Protein backbone atom coordinates (compact mmCIF):
# COMPACT_ATOMS: atom_id res chain seq x y z
CA MET A 1 24.73 -1.80 -2.97
CA ASP A 2 26.65 -1.70 -6.65
CA HIS A 3 24.76 -0.73 -9.97
CA ASP A 4 24.77 -4.54 -10.93
CA ASP A 5 23.18 -5.55 -7.92
CA ILE A 6 20.56 -2.76 -8.18
CA GLN A 7 19.84 -3.63 -11.39
CA ASP A 8 19.20 -7.54 -10.50
CA LEU A 9 16.93 -6.84 -7.84
CA PHE A 10 14.72 -4.55 -9.79
CA ARG A 11 14.89 -6.27 -13.65
CA SER A 12 11.41 -7.92 -12.88
CA VAL A 13 9.75 -4.18 -13.38
CA GLY A 14 11.99 -2.84 -16.53
CA PRO A 15 14.78 -1.25 -17.46
CA VAL A 16 16.33 0.46 -14.52
CA THR A 17 18.38 3.95 -14.38
CA ILE A 18 20.27 5.18 -11.23
CA LYS A 19 21.59 8.23 -10.48
CA ARG A 20 23.25 10.18 -7.54
CA MET A 21 21.16 11.67 -5.23
CA PHE A 22 22.09 12.64 -1.17
CA GLY A 23 25.08 10.64 -0.92
CA GLY A 24 23.34 7.92 -1.96
CA LYS A 25 21.48 6.78 -5.35
CA GLY A 26 17.74 7.43 -6.87
CA ILE A 27 16.29 4.19 -8.57
CA TYR A 28 14.32 5.00 -11.49
CA VAL A 29 11.66 2.88 -13.40
CA ASP A 30 10.24 4.95 -16.60
CA GLY A 31 11.69 7.85 -15.04
CA ARG A 32 9.84 7.58 -11.71
CA ILE A 33 11.48 7.36 -8.75
CA ILE A 34 10.39 3.55 -6.66
CA ALA A 35 13.31 3.61 -4.31
CA VAL A 36 16.45 5.23 -2.72
CA GLU A 37 19.67 2.98 -2.05
CA LEU A 38 20.91 5.34 1.33
CA ARG A 39 24.02 4.95 4.07
CA GLY A 40 23.98 1.10 3.18
CA GLY A 41 20.55 0.45 2.80
CA LEU A 42 17.84 0.08 0.47
CA MET A 43 14.42 1.89 0.73
CA LEU A 44 11.05 1.38 -1.70
CA LYS A 45 8.49 4.27 -2.24
CA GLY A 46 5.96 3.47 -0.44
CA ASP A 47 2.73 5.57 0.55
CA ALA A 48 -0.53 5.07 2.57
CA GLU A 49 -1.54 1.81 0.43
CA ALA A 50 2.42 0.58 0.38
CA GLY A 51 3.58 1.41 3.71
CA PRO A 52 1.42 -0.79 5.88
CA LEU A 53 2.55 -3.86 3.42
CA TYR A 54 6.33 -2.86 3.73
CA GLU A 55 5.04 -2.95 7.51
CA GLU A 56 3.73 -6.14 7.91
CA ALA A 57 6.50 -7.68 6.23
CA GLY A 58 9.46 -6.04 8.73
CA GLY A 59 10.10 -2.91 6.46
CA ARG A 60 10.44 0.60 8.55
CA HIS A 61 9.22 3.63 7.90
CA TRP A 62 12.03 5.95 7.12
CA ARG A 63 11.84 9.21 9.70
CA TYR A 64 14.15 11.27 10.63
CA THR A 65 14.79 14.69 12.84
CA HIS A 66 14.92 17.64 11.59
CA ASN A 67 18.10 19.58 12.77
CA LYS A 68 16.72 23.24 12.92
CA SER A 69 12.93 22.33 13.95
CA GLY A 70 13.87 19.37 16.24
CA LYS A 71 10.45 17.60 14.55
CA GLU A 72 10.37 14.25 13.32
CA VAL A 73 10.03 14.06 9.66
CA ALA A 74 8.45 11.06 7.98
CA MET A 75 9.83 9.98 4.47
CA PRO A 76 8.02 8.42 1.83
CA TYR A 77 10.02 5.46 1.75
CA TRP A 78 10.16 2.02 3.80
CA THR A 79 13.49 -0.23 4.26
CA ILE A 80 12.77 -3.17 1.65
CA PRO A 81 11.82 -6.74 3.29
CA GLU A 82 14.63 -9.10 3.76
CA GLY A 83 13.47 -11.72 1.70
CA ALA A 84 13.62 -9.59 -0.95
CA PHE A 85 17.43 -10.19 -1.56
CA ASP A 86 17.58 -13.76 -1.60
CA ASP A 87 14.17 -14.29 -3.67
CA PRO A 88 13.54 -12.79 -7.12
CA ASP A 89 9.61 -13.46 -7.07
CA GLU A 90 9.59 -11.74 -3.72
CA ALA A 91 12.01 -8.75 -5.26
CA GLU A 92 9.27 -8.76 -7.80
CA LYS A 93 6.26 -8.38 -5.25
CA TRP A 94 7.70 -5.40 -3.67
CA ALA A 95 9.23 -3.48 -6.48
CA ARG A 96 5.64 -3.62 -8.21
CA ILE A 97 4.52 -2.39 -4.79
CA ALA A 98 6.96 0.32 -5.12
CA VAL A 99 6.21 1.02 -8.41
CA GLY A 100 2.81 1.32 -7.93
CA ALA A 101 3.51 4.11 -4.94
CA SER A 102 5.37 6.00 -7.58
CA VAL A 103 2.66 6.17 -10.13
CA ARG A 104 -0.10 6.77 -7.52
CA ALA A 105 2.10 9.60 -5.95
CA ALA A 106 2.84 11.13 -9.73
CA LYS A 107 -1.24 11.90 -9.94
């Protein structure tokens, strides 16, 4: 996704700041990270409250296998449900859920 696409997708939750990170992009609102764009995929910030909502809508939890320990590591991000890319109302719904997860994580 390019900068303008990301801005459009998250426009409903306020001004978005995009910063380069781990070969991808961190997407911030009010100084809090709400999503990451990595390897061509977009993942929303989640937690115990938001994760099940993402999964019900077809989102997948970001997990990877640690190189040294071989253990699976679960990151606090889920893929964005497909409908969000084509429907501004869906995009707003998921963006607000991600903002809520980010606010809760900061507490």
